[in-house]
């Protein structure tokens, strides 16, 4: 089975503190992945958190292609490479074999996915390595750039690897998708976007929870189960990958 795993920015960083890497959280998830890495092929996508997101807010950069600050473009890119290096270093320390793949290697100008390059990610995972890619600032055309979120990368990978992906999993800093943020009522199975009121969820430059759920529905439409779980509880990630029920929100794949 191939699993697509998104490490949210709120997991890999402390989002309220600029450029603050959350090494303990990445260590916990990496230790868990080590216990199942011999049985499951894995592709990891991580967000920007207080690295790329921090600079994209400062320089007012969004997912819409535009002529953004050159300094901002450079800082976002450099910060994402820095964060990726920190994450993969921790994975190595925990006995995993990460293989960094920047999204510009499989997303071409004009936001066009390169199918054979995405297929290569699958082949790398088949070799016992873990491709690790990330949200980033991307060249669109001419002087235009845009922010590509890790959430969108998840649905791009699912689209091209749909026959191979067994599950897609988003790790969050909360237990899943809440019906109401005040009561923290957890939606265990999300069937329609209208089931969740996300007006009170703070939104980030790449769309926050609303973006995650929207991309989750795209993935589920391909026949793939999509889970949202709390990455601060790595055992829940393990439960999902082992086919066990756990605390979280699931969107069942549409297998019609």
Protein backbone atom coordinates (compact mmCIF):
# COMPACT_ATOMS: atom_id res chain seq x y z
CA UNK A 1 0.00 0.00 0.00
CA UNK A 2 1.14 3.53 -0.79
CA UNK A 3 0.28 6.17 1.83
CA UNK A 4 0.38 9.91 1.20
CA UNK A 5 1.13 11.68 4.48
CA UNK A 6 0.87 15.43 4.98
CA UNK A 7 2.82 16.83 7.92
CA UNK A 8 0.98 20.05 8.66
CA UNK A 9 2.84 23.29 9.32
CA UNK A 10 1.29 23.33 12.79
CA UNK A 11 3.00 19.99 13.47
CA UNK A 12 6.48 20.52 12.04
CA UNK A 13 6.77 24.08 13.42
CA UNK A 14 5.49 26.24 16.23
CA UNK A 15 3.27 28.46 14.09
CA UNK A 16 3.05 31.27 16.65
CA UNK A 17 6.84 31.66 16.75
CA UNK A 18 8.76 32.70 13.60
CA UNK A 19 11.20 30.12 12.22
CA UNK A 20 10.64 27.70 15.14
CA UNK A 21 11.08 24.04 14.24
CA UNK A 22 9.10 21.49 16.27
CA UNK A 23 11.73 18.74 16.44
CA UNK A 24 9.96 16.64 19.14
CA UNK A 25 6.78 16.35 17.04
CA UNK A 26 8.73 15.30 13.94
CA UNK A 27 10.73 12.83 16.04
CA UNK A 28 7.52 11.25 17.38
CA UNK A 29 5.98 10.79 13.93
CA UNK A 30 9.29 9.55 12.50
CA UNK A 31 9.63 6.90 15.22
CA UNK A 32 6.12 5.74 14.45
CA UNK A 33 6.76 5.64 10.69
CA UNK A 34 9.86 3.56 11.34
CA UNK A 35 7.70 0.81 12.87
CA UNK A 36 5.64 0.45 9.69
CA UNK A 37 8.00 1.59 6.93
CA UNK A 38 8.79 -2.00 5.96
CA UNK A 39 5.12 -2.72 5.29
CA UNK A 40 3.88 0.55 3.77
CA UNK A 41 5.26 2.69 0.96
CA UNK A 42 5.22 6.32 2.03
CA UNK A 43 5.37 9.71 0.34
CA UNK A 44 5.56 12.66 2.75
CA UNK A 45 4.46 16.23 2.04
CA UNK A 46 5.09 18.94 4.61
CA UNK A 47 3.74 22.43 5.06
CA UNK A 48 5.56 25.70 5.73
CA UNK A 49 4.30 26.64 9.17
CA UNK A 50 6.35 29.40 10.76
CA UNK A 51 8.97 29.14 7.99
CA UNK A 52 7.52 29.63 4.49
CA UNK A 53 4.16 30.80 5.80
CA UNK A 54 5.84 33.41 7.99
CA UNK A 55 7.50 35.08 5.00
CA UNK A 56 4.53 34.67 2.66
CA UNK A 57 2.43 36.68 5.13
CA UNK A 58 5.08 39.39 5.51
CA UNK A 59 5.35 39.79 1.74
CA UNK A 60 1.62 39.31 1.06
CA UNK A 61 2.06 36.30 -1.20
CA UNK A 62 -0.83 34.02 -2.15
CA UNK A 63 -1.83 31.07 -4.32
CA UNK A 64 -2.83 33.42 -7.15
CA UNK A 65 0.04 34.03 -9.63
CA UNK A 66 1.28 37.62 -9.38
CA UNK A 67 4.42 39.77 -9.47
CA UNK A 68 5.46 39.36 -5.86
CA UNK A 69 8.48 40.83 -4.12
CA UNK A 70 11.69 39.21 -5.34
CA UNK A 71 13.05 39.34 -1.82
CA UNK A 72 9.91 37.62 -0.54
CA UNK A 73 10.13 34.90 -3.20
CA UNK A 74 13.73 34.21 -2.25
CA UNK A 75 13.04 34.15 1.49
CA UNK A 76 10.09 31.79 1.16
CA UNK A 77 12.10 29.37 -1.00
CA UNK A 78 15.18 29.45 1.25
CA UNK A 79 13.10 29.00 4.40
CA UNK A 80 11.33 25.95 2.91
CA UNK A 81 14.63 24.35 1.99
CA UNK A 82 15.85 25.03 5.53
CA UNK A 83 12.72 23.45 7.04
CA UNK A 84 12.92 20.46 4.70
CA UNK A 85 16.55 19.87 5.70
CA UNK A 86 15.59 19.92 9.38
CA UNK A 87 12.73 17.49 8.88
CA UNK A 88 14.74 15.03 6.82
CA UNK A 89 17.65 15.21 9.28
CA UNK A 90 15.32 14.14 12.08
CA UNK A 91 13.90 11.36 9.91
CA UNK A 92 17.42 10.10 9.26
CA UNK A 93 18.22 10.16 12.97
CA UNK A 94 15.16 7.99 13.60
CA UNK A 95 16.29 5.36 11.09
CA UNK A 96 14.18 6.40 8.10
CA UNK A 97 15.55 6.99 4.61
CA UNK A 98 14.10 10.29 3.35
CA UNK A 99 14.67 11.49 -0.21
CA UNK A 100 13.96 15.18 -0.75
CA UNK A 101 12.07 16.06 -3.93
CA UNK A 102 11.33 19.75 -4.43
CA UNK A 103 7.95 20.38 -6.08
CA UNK A 104 9.55 22.28 -8.97
CA UNK A 105 10.85 18.90 -10.17
CA UNK A 106 7.34 17.60 -10.85
CA UNK A 107 5.29 20.80 -11.32
CA UNK A 108 6.19 22.66 -14.51
CA UNK A 109 5.68 26.32 -15.46
CA UNK A 110 2.01 27.24 -15.68
CA UNK A 111 1.22 24.93 -12.75
CA UNK A 112 1.29 21.84 -14.95
CA UNK A 113 1.96 18.52 -13.22
CA UNK A 114 4.55 16.29 -14.91
CA UNK A 115 3.07 12.80 -14.82
CA UNK A 116 6.24 10.78 -15.38
CA UNK A 117 8.06 12.73 -12.66
CA UNK A 118 5.26 11.96 -10.21
CA UNK A 119 5.46 8.32 -11.25
CA UNK A 120 9.13 8.51 -10.33
CA UNK A 121 8.16 9.39 -6.75
CA UNK A 122 6.24 6.14 -6.58
CA UNK A 123 9.23 4.20 -7.91
CA UNK A 124 11.49 5.85 -5.33
CA UNK A 125 9.09 4.84 -2.54
CA UNK A 126 9.11 1.30 -3.94
CA UNK A 127 12.88 1.24 -3.46
CA UNK A 128 12.50 1.67 0.31
CA UNK A 129 13.12 5.42 0.36
CA UNK A 130 10.60 8.03 1.49
CA UNK A 131 10.15 10.89 -0.98
CA UNK A 132 9.69 14.09 1.01
CA UNK A 133 8.29 17.15 -0.76
CA UNK A 134 6.80 20.39 0.50
CA UNK A 135 4.73 23.49 -0.12
CA UNK A 136 6.74 26.19 -1.87
CA UNK A 137 6.82 29.37 -3.94
CA UNK A 138 6.67 28.41 -7.60
CA UNK A 139 7.37 30.11 -10.92
CA UNK A 140 4.25 30.39 -13.05
CA UNK A 141 5.34 32.26 -16.17
CA UNK A 142 7.21 35.43 -17.10
CA UNK A 143 7.47 37.44 -13.83
CA UNK A 144 4.62 35.65 -12.09
CA UNK A 145 5.00 33.42 -9.01
CA UNK A 146 2.55 31.74 -6.66
CA UNK A 147 2.35 29.83 -3.40
CA UNK A 148 1.71 26.12 -3.87
CA UNK A 149 0.37 24.60 -0.66
CA UNK A 150 1.29 21.17 0.62
CA UNK A 151 -2.42 20.39 0.75
CA UNK A 152 -2.74 20.97 -2.99
CA UNK A 153 0.33 18.83 -3.61
CA UNK A 154 -1.45 16.00 -1.79
CA UNK A 155 -4.34 16.06 -4.27
CA UNK A 156 -1.97 16.42 -7.25
CA UNK A 157 -0.05 13.30 -6.17
CA UNK A 158 -3.29 11.42 -5.48
CA UNK A 159 -4.62 12.30 -8.93
CA UNK A 160 -1.60 10.87 -10.74
CA UNK A 161 -1.06 7.89 -8.43
CA UNK A 162 -4.73 7.09 -7.82
CA UNK A 163 -4.39 3.41 -8.73
CA UNK A 164 -1.61 2.96 -6.17
CA UNK A 165 -2.60 5.16 -3.23
CA UNK A 166 -4.32 3.24 -0.47
CA UNK A 167 -4.79 6.12 1.96
CA UNK A 168 -4.15 9.86 2.35
CA UNK A 169 -3.54 11.26 5.80
CA UNK A 170 -3.34 14.87 6.98
CA UNK A 171 -1.73 15.49 10.38
CA UNK A 172 -3.05 18.51 12.27
CA UNK A 173 -2.50 20.12 15.67
CA UNK A 174 -6.14 19.31 16.52
CA UNK A 175 -8.05 16.02 16.67
CA UNK A 176 -9.69 16.39 13.25
CA UNK A 177 -12.40 18.53 11.68
CA UNK A 178 -14.71 20.13 14.23
CA UNK A 179 -18.37 20.85 13.63
CA UNK A 180 -18.16 23.70 16.08
CA UNK A 181 -14.93 25.28 17.27
CA UNK A 182 -16.43 26.41 20.58
CA UNK A 183 -17.65 23.00 21.70
CA UNK A 184 -14.85 21.15 19.86
CA UNK A 185 -17.42 18.67 18.59
CA UNK A 186 -15.46 16.31 16.36
CA UNK A 187 -16.91 15.12 13.06
CA UNK A 188 -15.90 11.46 12.91
CA UNK A 189 -16.97 10.98 9.28
CA UNK A 190 -17.29 13.91 6.92
CA UNK A 191 -19.68 13.26 4.05
CA UNK A 192 -20.37 16.72 2.71
CA UNK A 193 -18.48 19.99 2.98
CA UNK A 194 -21.57 21.56 4.55
CA UNK A 195 -21.28 19.18 7.51
CA UNK A 196 -18.53 21.37 8.95
CA UNK A 197 -18.83 25.02 9.89
CA UNK A 198 -15.31 26.33 9.40
CA UNK A 199 -16.03 30.04 9.66
CA UNK A 200 -14.34 30.22 13.05
CA UNK A 201 -11.22 28.35 11.97
CA UNK A 202 -8.31 30.75 11.51
CA UNK A 203 -7.25 30.78 7.87
CA UNK A 204 -3.68 30.97 6.64
CA UNK A 205 -2.26 32.08 3.30
CA UNK A 206 -2.70 28.62 1.79
CA UNK A 207 -6.31 28.28 2.88
CA UNK A 208 -6.08 26.70 6.35
CA UNK A 209 -8.64 24.09 7.30
CA UNK A 210 -10.96 25.04 4.46
CA UNK A 211 -8.22 24.19 1.94
CA UNK A 212 -7.43 20.89 3.65
CA UNK A 213 -11.05 19.75 3.56
CA UNK A 214 -11.49 20.87 -0.05
CA UNK A 215 -8.38 18.95 -1.13
CA UNK A 216 -9.53 16.03 1.00
CA UNK A 217 -12.79 15.84 -0.95
CA UNK A 218 -10.87 15.92 -4.24
CA UNK A 219 -8.78 12.97 -3.07
CA UNK A 220 -11.80 11.06 -1.78
CA UNK A 221 -13.50 11.52 -5.16
CA UNK A 222 -10.71 9.34 -6.58
CA UNK A 223 -11.76 6.44 -4.35
CA UNK A 224 -9.14 7.06 -1.64
CA UNK A 225 -9.96 7.26 2.08
CA UNK A 226 -8.74 10.53 3.60
CA UNK A 227 -7.98 10.94 7.31
CA UNK A 228 -7.40 14.05 9.43
CA UNK A 229 -5.68 13.20 12.72
CA UNK A 230 -3.76 14.91 15.49
CA UNK A 231 -0.07 14.60 14.69
CA UNK A 232 0.80 15.24 18.33
CA UNK A 233 -0.50 11.71 18.92
CA UNK A 234 1.66 9.65 16.51
CA UNK A 235 -0.08 6.43 17.54
CA UNK A 236 -3.19 7.68 15.72
CA UNK A 237 -1.17 7.97 12.51
CA UNK A 238 -0.02 4.38 13.06
CA UNK A 239 -3.60 3.22 13.67
CA UNK A 240 -4.78 4.71 10.37
CA UNK A 241 -1.93 3.15 8.40
CA UNK A 242 -2.63 -0.23 10.02
CA UNK A 243 -6.31 -0.04 9.11
CA UNK A 244 -7.52 0.51 12.67
CA UNK A 245 -10.15 2.96 13.82
CA UNK A 246 -8.87 5.93 15.78
CA UNK A 247 -9.72 9.45 16.94
CA UNK A 248 -9.95 11.70 13.89
CA UNK A 249 -12.09 12.62 10.91
CA UNK A 250 -12.37 10.42 7.84
CA UNK A 251 -13.74 11.12 4.37
CA UNK A 252 -14.50 7.75 2.79
CA UNK A 253 -13.30 7.36 -0.77
CA UNK A 254 -16.04 7.47 -3.37
CA UNK A 255 -15.70 4.03 -4.96
CA UNK A 256 -18.66 4.28 -7.33
